[in-house]
Every structure is written in C-alpha cells, then in structure tokens.
C-alpha cells in the first residue's frame, strides 16, 4: 500500500492565486440486467500502457503534470469541499480508495478518487491500515474472502443496481449469507449457474424471514 498522497494537497486559495495548478489544463456491474463476468469489470480500462510504466517513484509521479491535472479535476468536481466532513476551508488531499498494481496515480476512474481534508484523509488511511492488520492477524477467524463476500452482499442488498453477485469460493458464499441474514444453503439456491447469485431472490427471502420474526 502506498503512503497517503501528501503531495496532493491544495487549498482553494492555492488554486485562486495561480500557483501553477490553474494552468494545468471511472465491482460488479448488473444494472443492465445481464450477468457480470466472474471477475468484476473495472469502470476504467488501464490499457496497454500498463506494460510501459516509467521507473519513477510513486512520490515523483505525484508531481507529474498528469496527476496535477487529475487531482484538480477531482477537487473541482467536489466543489473544493471535503466529501466526508463537508469542510471547505482546510487543505485538501485527493484520496485513492484503492490501488491497482502497476497503475499510475492519474489512471484511476472518478469513482476511485475523492477529495478529503487532511484530517479525514489521515483518518481513512488509518482505518484502512487497521482493517488490513485485523485481516492479517493469525487469530482472526474471518477470512478475506468472507469479508469480500459480506461487503459485496451488503452493497447488493442496499443497491438497486446489482442484480447478480459473482462468487468463486465457499467463504464468499458465507459472507453473502451473513449480509442477507440467511443460511449459506439459501445462497446456493440463488445460484443459477454455480458462479452467480441472484440478488432479488435473496432480497425476497430476507423479507420472508424478517416477516416471520
């Protein structure tokens, strides 16, 4: 994991005074009703350029004009406001919600980047570190795949877009079952081909279970 983007700081005043930034001119899809592939399709393709990466360090890349343009775009889209706490007066960072192996800082889609104040940025990085520590603890009884299944299940449960959840392991099934408060056997019944779980089936089943409580 990379360190926080400390070079990605800017305040509204910095942009307004033209410190150089002013001149520096996108999980599993399912909203179309079709089944996703077994692997989530990224909303942004990294393309063939992935094989031609430079030898620059990550922090050197944060000074690249392409990242300067990209981060300014993210801040402008957020209205120069922290997307977590809503503060408009602090110094801002552009936060990567995740990292792709071999990707440059500017390669990421809009959904993977957010404008945060320094305090919220640091807090999110610490939370991510805490999560990784817990998952790597030998005494942790929950596997990473189970957590992934749970998170994907929760997203599908509250989203009107995910119609299918791709699964590849029994532990993912256990996580999805926990998200919908059903038994893993119910998740298996919701599978149409052994690799995809029908979300609406689980939603209906959960409503039936809750109605009997």
C-alpha atoms as a PDB file:
ATOM      1  CA  UNK A   1       0.000   0.000   0.000  1.00  0.00           C
ATOM      2  CA  UNK A   2       1.234   3.420  -0.854  1.00  0.00           C
ATOM      3  CA  UNK A   3       1.508   6.193   1.673  1.00  0.00           C
ATOM      4  CA  UNK A   4      -1.044   8.977   1.728  1.00  0.00           C
ATOM      5  CA  UNK A   5      -0.798  11.374  -1.175  1.00  0.00           C
ATOM      6  CA  UNK A   6       0.960  14.089   0.776  1.00  0.00           C
ATOM      7  CA  UNK A   7       1.898  15.917  -2.409  1.00  0.00           C
ATOM      8  CA  UNK A   8      -1.762  16.024  -3.413  1.00  0.00           C
ATOM      9  CA  UNK A   9      -2.544  18.921  -1.095  1.00  0.00           C
ATOM     10  CA  UNK A  10      -4.215  22.121  -2.150  1.00  0.00           C
ATOM     11  CA  UNK A  11      -6.437  24.782  -0.663  1.00  0.00           C
ATOM     12  CA  UNK A  12      -8.896  26.990  -2.573  1.00  0.00           C
ATOM     13  CA  UNK A  13      -6.540  29.915  -2.114  1.00  0.00           C
ATOM     14  CA  UNK A  14      -3.711  27.979  -3.711  1.00  0.00           C
ATOM     15  CA  UNK A  15      -5.724  27.492  -6.875  1.00  0.00           C
ATOM     16  CA  UNK A  16      -7.077  31.022  -6.985  1.00  0.00           C
ATOM     17  CA  UNK A  17      -3.606  32.554  -6.804  1.00  0.00           C
ATOM     18  CA  UNK A  18      -2.489  30.505  -9.809  1.00  0.00           C
ATOM     19  CA  UNK A  19       0.385  28.598  -8.265  1.00  0.00           C
ATOM     20  CA  UNK A  20       0.745  26.523 -11.406  1.00  0.00           C
ATOM     21  CA  UNK A  21      -2.368  24.400 -10.980  1.00  0.00           C
ATOM     22  CA  UNK A  22      -4.551  26.897 -12.795  1.00  0.00           C
ATOM     23  CA  UNK A  23      -2.582  26.404 -15.990  1.00  0.00           C
ATOM     24  CA  UNK A  24      -2.695  22.627 -15.884  1.00  0.00           C
ATOM     25  CA  UNK A  25      -5.421  22.274 -18.242  1.00  0.00           C
ATOM     26  CA  UNK A  26     -14.266   5.958 -13.606  1.00  0.00           C
ATOM     27  CA  UNK A  27     -17.398  -4.100  -8.984  1.00  0.00           C
ATOM     28  CA  UNK A  28     -19.626  -5.924 -10.327  1.00  0.00           C
ATOM     29  CA  UNK A  29     -21.931  -4.411 -12.951  1.00  0.00           C
ATOM     30  CA  UNK A  30     -25.520  -5.552 -13.218  1.00  0.00           C
ATOM     31  CA  UNK A  31     -27.811  -2.593 -13.886  1.00  0.00           C
ATOM     32  CA  UNK A  32     -28.489  -3.711 -17.449  1.00  0.00           C
ATOM     33  CA  UNK A  33     -29.967  -6.979 -16.243  1.00  0.00           C
ATOM     34  CA  UNK A  34     -27.206  -9.122 -17.672  1.00  0.00           C
ATOM     35  CA  UNK A  35     -24.867 -11.309 -15.675  1.00  0.00           C
ATOM     36  CA  UNK A  36     -21.450  -9.890 -14.949  1.00  0.00           C
ATOM     37  CA  UNK A  37     -18.326 -11.826 -15.641  1.00  0.00           C
ATOM     38  CA  UNK A  38     -16.879 -13.881 -12.791  1.00  0.00           C
ATOM     39  CA  UNK A  39     -14.390 -11.060 -12.245  1.00  0.00           C
ATOM     40  CA  UNK A  40     -15.644  -7.502 -11.619  1.00  0.00           C
ATOM     41  CA  UNK A  41     -15.248  -5.323 -14.670  1.00  0.00           C
ATOM     42  CA  UNK A  42     -13.394  -2.113 -13.856  1.00  0.00           C
ATOM     43  CA  UNK A  43     -15.116   1.110 -14.850  1.00  0.00           C
ATOM     44  CA  UNK A  44     -11.860   2.354 -16.284  1.00  0.00           C
ATOM     45  CA  UNK A  45      -9.540   0.390 -18.539  1.00  0.00           C
ATOM     46  CA  UNK A  46      -5.839   0.731 -17.823  1.00  0.00           C
ATOM     47  CA  UNK A  47      -4.989  -0.464 -21.330  1.00  0.00           C
ATOM     48  CA  UNK A  48      -1.742  -1.434 -22.952  1.00  0.00           C
ATOM     49  CA  UNK A  49       0.158   1.402 -21.324  1.00  0.00           C
ATOM     50  CA  UNK A  50       0.451  -0.763 -18.196  1.00  0.00           C
ATOM     51  CA  UNK A  51       3.367  -2.551 -19.854  1.00  0.00           C
ATOM     52  CA  UNK A  52       5.210   0.699 -20.457  1.00  0.00           C
ATOM     53  CA  UNK A  53       5.435   2.172 -16.957  1.00  0.00           C
ATOM     54  CA  UNK A  54       8.259   4.523 -16.145  1.00  0.00           C
ATOM     55  CA  UNK A  55      10.805   3.908 -13.429  1.00  0.00           C
ATOM     56  CA  UNK A  56       9.720   6.987 -11.468  1.00  0.00           C
ATOM     57  CA  UNK A  57       8.986   6.506  -7.787  1.00  0.00           C
ATOM     58  CA  UNK A  58       5.396   6.894  -6.597  1.00  0.00           C
ATOM     59  CA  UNK A  59       6.129  10.223  -4.951  1.00  0.00           C
ATOM     60  CA  UNK A  60       7.804  11.512  -8.098  1.00  0.00           C
ATOM     61  CA  UNK A  61       4.649  10.600 -10.005  1.00  0.00           C
ATOM     62  CA  UNK A  62       2.616  12.738  -7.614  1.00  0.00           C
ATOM     63  CA  UNK A  63       4.471  15.742  -9.062  1.00  0.00           C
ATOM     64  CA  UNK A  64       3.732  14.708 -12.653  1.00  0.00           C
ATOM     65  CA  UNK A  65       1.559  17.218 -14.570  1.00  0.00           C
ATOM     66  CA  UNK A  66      -0.904  14.411 -15.377  1.00  0.00           C
ATOM     67  CA  UNK A  67      -1.561  13.859 -11.667  1.00  0.00           C
ATOM     68  CA  UNK A  68      -1.718  17.605 -11.038  1.00  0.00           C
ATOM     69  CA  UNK A  69      -4.472  17.866 -13.673  1.00  0.00           C
ATOM     70  CA  UNK A  70      -6.284  14.789 -12.371  1.00  0.00           C
ATOM     71  CA  UNK A  71      -6.363  15.889  -8.735  1.00  0.00           C
ATOM     72  CA  UNK A  72      -7.517  19.365  -9.690  1.00  0.00           C
ATOM     73  CA  UNK A  73     -10.377  17.797 -11.648  1.00  0.00           C
ATOM     74  CA  UNK A  74     -11.393  15.776  -8.568  1.00  0.00           C
ATOM     75  CA  UNK A  75     -11.287  18.838  -6.307  1.00  0.00           C
ATOM     76  CA  UNK A  76     -13.255  20.936  -8.760  1.00  0.00           C
ATOM     77  CA  UNK A  77     -15.894  18.191  -9.091  1.00  0.00           C
ATOM     78  CA  UNK A  78     -16.222  18.197  -5.272  1.00  0.00           C
ATOM     79  CA  UNK A  79     -16.591  21.969  -5.223  1.00  0.00           C
ATOM     80  CA  UNK A  80     -13.388  22.278  -3.174  1.00  0.00           C
ATOM     81  CA  UNK A  81     -15.165  20.649  -0.236  1.00  0.00           C
ATOM     82  CA  UNK A  82     -14.238  17.616   1.846  1.00  0.00           C
ATOM     83  CA  UNK A  83     -16.501  14.814   0.658  1.00  0.00           C
ATOM     84  CA  UNK A  84     -16.567  13.293   4.149  1.00  0.00           C
ATOM     85  CA  UNK A  85     -16.972  16.139   6.631  1.00  0.00           C
ATOM     86  CA  UNK A  86     -18.020  18.942   4.286  1.00  0.00           C
ATOM     87  CA  UNK A  87     -15.303  21.384   5.357  1.00  0.00           C
ATOM     88  CA  UNK A  88     -14.403  23.993   2.748  1.00  0.00           C
ATOM     89  CA  UNK A  89     -11.587  25.846   4.469  1.00  0.00           C
ATOM     90  CA  UNK A  90      -8.920  23.204   5.117  1.00  0.00           C
ATOM     91  CA  UNK A  91      -6.096  21.939   2.954  1.00  0.00           C
ATOM     92  CA  UNK A  92      -7.312  19.187   0.657  1.00  0.00           C
ATOM     93  CA  UNK A  93      -5.867  15.834  -0.417  1.00  0.00           C
ATOM     94  CA  UNK A  94      -7.078  13.580  -3.203  1.00  0.00           C
ATOM     95  CA  UNK A  95      -7.556  10.107  -1.733  1.00  0.00           C
ATOM     96  CA  UNK A  96      -7.247   6.844  -3.667  1.00  0.00           C
ATOM     97  CA  UNK A  97      -9.932   4.475  -2.362  1.00  0.00           C
ATOM     98  CA  UNK A  98      -7.905   1.529  -3.671  1.00  0.00           C
ATOM     99  CA  UNK A  99      -4.740   0.823  -5.626  1.00  0.00           C
ATOM    100  CA  UNK A 100      -4.234  -1.235  -8.782  1.00  0.00           C
ATOM    101  CA  UNK A 101      -0.912  -2.974  -9.313  1.00  0.00           C
ATOM    102  CA  UNK A 102       1.077  -1.106 -11.954  1.00  0.00           C
ATOM    103  CA  UNK A 103      -1.338   1.808 -12.243  1.00  0.00           C
ATOM    104  CA  UNK A 104      -0.150   5.409 -12.108  1.00  0.00           C
ATOM    105  CA  UNK A 105      -1.902   7.836  -9.740  1.00  0.00           C
ATOM    106  CA  UNK A 106      -3.766   9.508 -12.616  1.00  0.00           C
ATOM    107  CA  UNK A 107      -5.017   6.221 -14.159  1.00  0.00           C
ATOM    108  CA  UNK A 108      -7.946   5.824 -11.776  1.00  0.00           C
ATOM    109  CA  UNK A 109     -11.632   6.487 -12.579  1.00  0.00           C
ATOM    110  CA  UNK A 110     -13.623   9.185 -10.828  1.00  0.00           C
ATOM    111  CA  UNK A 111     -15.304   6.639  -8.530  1.00  0.00           C
ATOM    112  CA  UNK A 112     -11.907   5.636  -7.121  1.00  0.00           C
ATOM    113  CA  UNK A 113     -10.870   9.147  -6.117  1.00  0.00           C
ATOM    114  CA  UNK A 114     -12.276  11.553  -3.553  1.00  0.00           C
ATOM    115  CA  UNK A 115     -11.469  14.991  -2.234  1.00  0.00           C
ATOM    116  CA  UNK A 116     -10.762  14.954   1.514  1.00  0.00           C
ATOM    117  CA  UNK A 117      -9.401  17.413   4.029  1.00  0.00           C
ATOM    118  CA  UNK A 118      -6.107  16.418   5.645  1.00  0.00           C
ATOM    119  CA  UNK A 119      -7.745  15.173   8.840  1.00  0.00           C
ATOM    120  CA  UNK A 120     -10.311  12.969   7.056  1.00  0.00           C
ATOM    121  CA  UNK A 121      -7.642  11.683   4.683  1.00  0.00           C
ATOM    122  CA  UNK A 122      -5.417  10.615   7.559  1.00  0.00           C
ATOM    123  CA  UNK A 123      -8.385   9.029   9.344  1.00  0.00           C
ATOM    124  CA  UNK A 124      -9.320   6.957   6.283  1.00  0.00           C
ATOM    125  CA  UNK A 125      -5.738   5.776   5.809  1.00  0.00           C
ATOM    126  CA  UNK A 126      -5.570   4.696   9.461  1.00  0.00           C
ATOM    127  CA  UNK A 127      -8.886   2.836   9.122  1.00  0.00           C
ATOM    128  CA  UNK A 128      -7.566   1.010   6.063  1.00  0.00           C
ATOM    129  CA  UNK A 129      -4.416   0.075   7.946  1.00  0.00           C
ATOM    130  CA  UNK A 130      -6.446  -1.177  10.922  1.00  0.00           C
ATOM    131  CA  UNK A 131      -8.569  -3.332   8.599  1.00  0.00           C
ATOM    132  CA  UNK A 132      -5.515  -4.883   6.983  1.00  0.00           C
ATOM    133  CA  UNK A 133      -3.960  -5.574  10.386  1.00  0.00           C
ATOM    134  CA  UNK A 134      -7.125  -7.329  11.569  1.00  0.00           C
ATOM    135  CA  UNK A 135      -7.349  -9.471   8.431  1.00  0.00           C
ATOM    136  CA  UNK A 136      -3.686 -10.457   8.697  1.00  0.00           C
ATOM    137  CA  UNK A 137      -3.945 -11.389  12.388  1.00  0.00           C
ATOM    138  CA  UNK A 138      -3.424 -15.182  12.750  1.00  0.00           C
ATOM    139  CA  UNK A 139      -6.143 -15.223  15.402  1.00  0.00           C
ATOM    140  CA  UNK A 140      -8.703 -13.596  13.084  1.00  0.00           C
ATOM    141  CA  UNK A 141     -11.441 -16.175  12.484  1.00  0.00           C
ATOM    142  CA  UNK A 142     -12.790 -14.423   9.378  1.00  0.00           C
ATOM    143  CA  UNK A 143     -11.076 -14.825   6.026  1.00  0.00           C
ATOM    144  CA  UNK A 144     -10.548 -12.084   3.484  1.00  0.00           C
ATOM    145  CA  UNK A 145     -12.847 -13.883   1.040  1.00  0.00           C
ATOM    146  CA  UNK A 146     -15.606 -13.988   3.651  1.00  0.00           C
ATOM    147  CA  UNK A 147     -15.238 -10.253   4.229  1.00  0.00           C
ATOM    148  CA  UNK A 148     -15.333  -9.613   0.477  1.00  0.00           C
ATOM    149  CA  UNK A 149     -18.496 -11.685   0.189  1.00  0.00           C
ATOM    150  CA  UNK A 150     -20.082  -9.758   3.052  1.00  0.00           C
ATOM    151  CA  UNK A 151     -19.207  -6.377   1.558  1.00  0.00           C
ATOM    152  CA  UNK A 152     -20.483  -7.334  -1.882  1.00  0.00           C
ATOM    153  CA  UNK A 153     -23.635  -8.717  -0.295  1.00  0.00           C
ATOM    154  CA  UNK A 154     -24.257  -5.515   1.665  1.00  0.00           C
ATOM    155  CA  UNK A 155     -23.738  -3.400  -1.435  1.00  0.00           C
ATOM    156  CA  UNK A 156     -26.177  -5.547  -3.416  1.00  0.00           C
ATOM    157  CA  UNK A 157     -28.674  -5.546  -0.541  1.00  0.00           C
ATOM    158  CA  UNK A 158     -28.921  -1.773  -0.452  1.00  0.00           C
ATOM    159  CA  UNK A 159     -28.303  -1.076  -4.134  1.00  0.00           C
ATOM    160  CA  UNK A 160     -30.867  -1.152  -6.878  1.00  0.00           C
ATOM    161  CA  UNK A 161     -28.193  -1.782  -9.485  1.00  0.00           C
ATOM    162  CA  UNK A 162     -26.573  -5.087  -8.598  1.00  0.00           C
ATOM    163  CA  UNK A 163     -28.686  -7.952  -9.954  1.00  0.00           C
ATOM    164  CA  UNK A 164     -26.022 -10.643  -9.612  1.00  0.00           C
ATOM    165  CA  UNK A 165     -23.064 -11.292  -7.319  1.00  0.00           C
ATOM    166  CA  UNK A 166     -20.145 -13.215  -8.751  1.00  0.00           C
ATOM    167  CA  UNK A 167     -18.716 -15.847  -6.395  1.00  0.00           C
ATOM    168  CA  UNK A 168     -15.699 -18.097  -6.669  1.00  0.00           C
ATOM    169  CA  UNK A 169     -15.326 -19.612  -3.202  1.00  0.00           C
ATOM    170  CA  UNK A 170     -17.435 -21.113  -0.414  1.00  0.00           C
ATOM    171  CA  UNK A 171     -16.156 -18.498   2.015  1.00  0.00           C
ATOM    172  CA  UNK A 172     -17.565 -15.757  -0.210  1.00  0.00           C
ATOM    173  CA  UNK A 173     -20.902 -17.595  -0.021  1.00  0.00           C
ATOM    174  CA  UNK A 174     -20.713 -17.464   3.796  1.00  0.00           C
ATOM    175  CA  UNK A 175     -20.078 -13.716   3.666  1.00  0.00           C
ATOM    176  CA  UNK A 176     -23.006 -13.071   1.317  1.00  0.00           C
ATOM    177  CA  UNK A 177     -25.243 -15.186   3.574  1.00  0.00           C
ATOM    178  CA  UNK A 178     -24.243 -13.068   6.578  1.00  0.00           C
ATOM    179  CA  UNK A 179     -25.082  -9.863   4.692  1.00  0.00           C
ATOM    180  CA  UNK A 180     -28.611 -11.052   3.931  1.00  0.00           C
ATOM    181  CA  UNK A 181     -29.145 -12.839   7.281  1.00  0.00           C
ATOM    182  CA  UNK A 182     -29.775 -16.186   5.581  1.00  0.00           C
ATOM    183  CA  UNK A 183     -28.096 -19.594   5.640  1.00  0.00           C
ATOM    184  CA  UNK A 184     -25.363 -20.380   3.073  1.00  0.00           C
ATOM    185  CA  UNK A 185     -27.704 -23.037   1.629  1.00  0.00           C
ATOM    186  CA  UNK A 186     -30.078 -20.218   0.620  1.00  0.00           C
ATOM    187  CA  UNK A 187     -27.248 -18.537  -1.285  1.00  0.00           C
ATOM    188  CA  UNK A 188     -26.601 -21.790  -3.129  1.00  0.00           C
ATOM    189  CA  UNK A 189     -30.285 -21.967  -4.096  1.00  0.00           C
ATOM    190  CA  UNK A 190     -29.963 -18.449  -5.504  1.00  0.00           C
ATOM    191  CA  UNK A 191     -27.165 -19.518  -7.855  1.00  0.00           C
ATOM    192  CA  UNK A 192     -28.244 -20.002 -11.427  1.00  0.00           C
ATOM    193  CA  UNK A 193     -25.015 -21.407 -12.812  1.00  0.00           C
ATOM    194  CA  UNK A 194     -22.784 -22.036  -9.813  1.00  0.00           C
ATOM    195  CA  UNK A 195     -20.924 -18.748 -10.219  1.00  0.00           C
ATOM    196  CA  UNK A 196     -23.550 -16.020  -9.886  1.00  0.00           C
ATOM    197  CA  UNK A 197     -26.013 -15.337  -7.083  1.00  0.00           C
ATOM    198  CA  UNK A 198     -29.381 -13.772  -7.936  1.00  0.00           C
ATOM    199  CA  UNK A 199     -29.725 -10.748  -5.669  1.00  0.00           C
ATOM    200  CA  UNK A 200     -33.508 -10.342  -5.942  1.00  0.00           C
ATOM    201  CA  UNK A 201     -34.013 -13.949  -4.757  1.00  0.00           C
ATOM    202  CA  UNK A 202     -32.020 -13.197  -1.603  1.00  0.00           C
ATOM    203  CA  UNK A 203     -33.871  -9.920  -1.058  1.00  0.00           C
ATOM    204  CA  UNK A 204     -37.246 -11.691  -1.267  1.00  0.00           C
ATOM    205  CA  UNK A 205     -36.048 -14.475   1.005  1.00  0.00           C
ATOM    206  CA  UNK A 206     -34.789 -11.997   3.582  1.00  0.00           C
ATOM    207  CA  UNK A 207     -38.147 -10.188   3.595  1.00  0.00           C
ATOM    208  CA  UNK A 208     -39.893 -13.520   4.135  1.00  0.00           C
ATOM    209  CA  UNK A 209     -37.570 -14.354   7.028  1.00  0.00           C
ATOM    210  CA  UNK A 210     -37.983 -10.912   8.623  1.00  0.00           C
ATOM    211  CA  UNK A 211     -41.778 -11.191   8.278  1.00  0.00           C
ATOM    212  CA  UNK A 212     -41.759 -14.397  10.305  1.00  0.00           C
ATOM    213  CA  UNK A 213     -39.700 -12.941  13.157  1.00  0.00           C
END
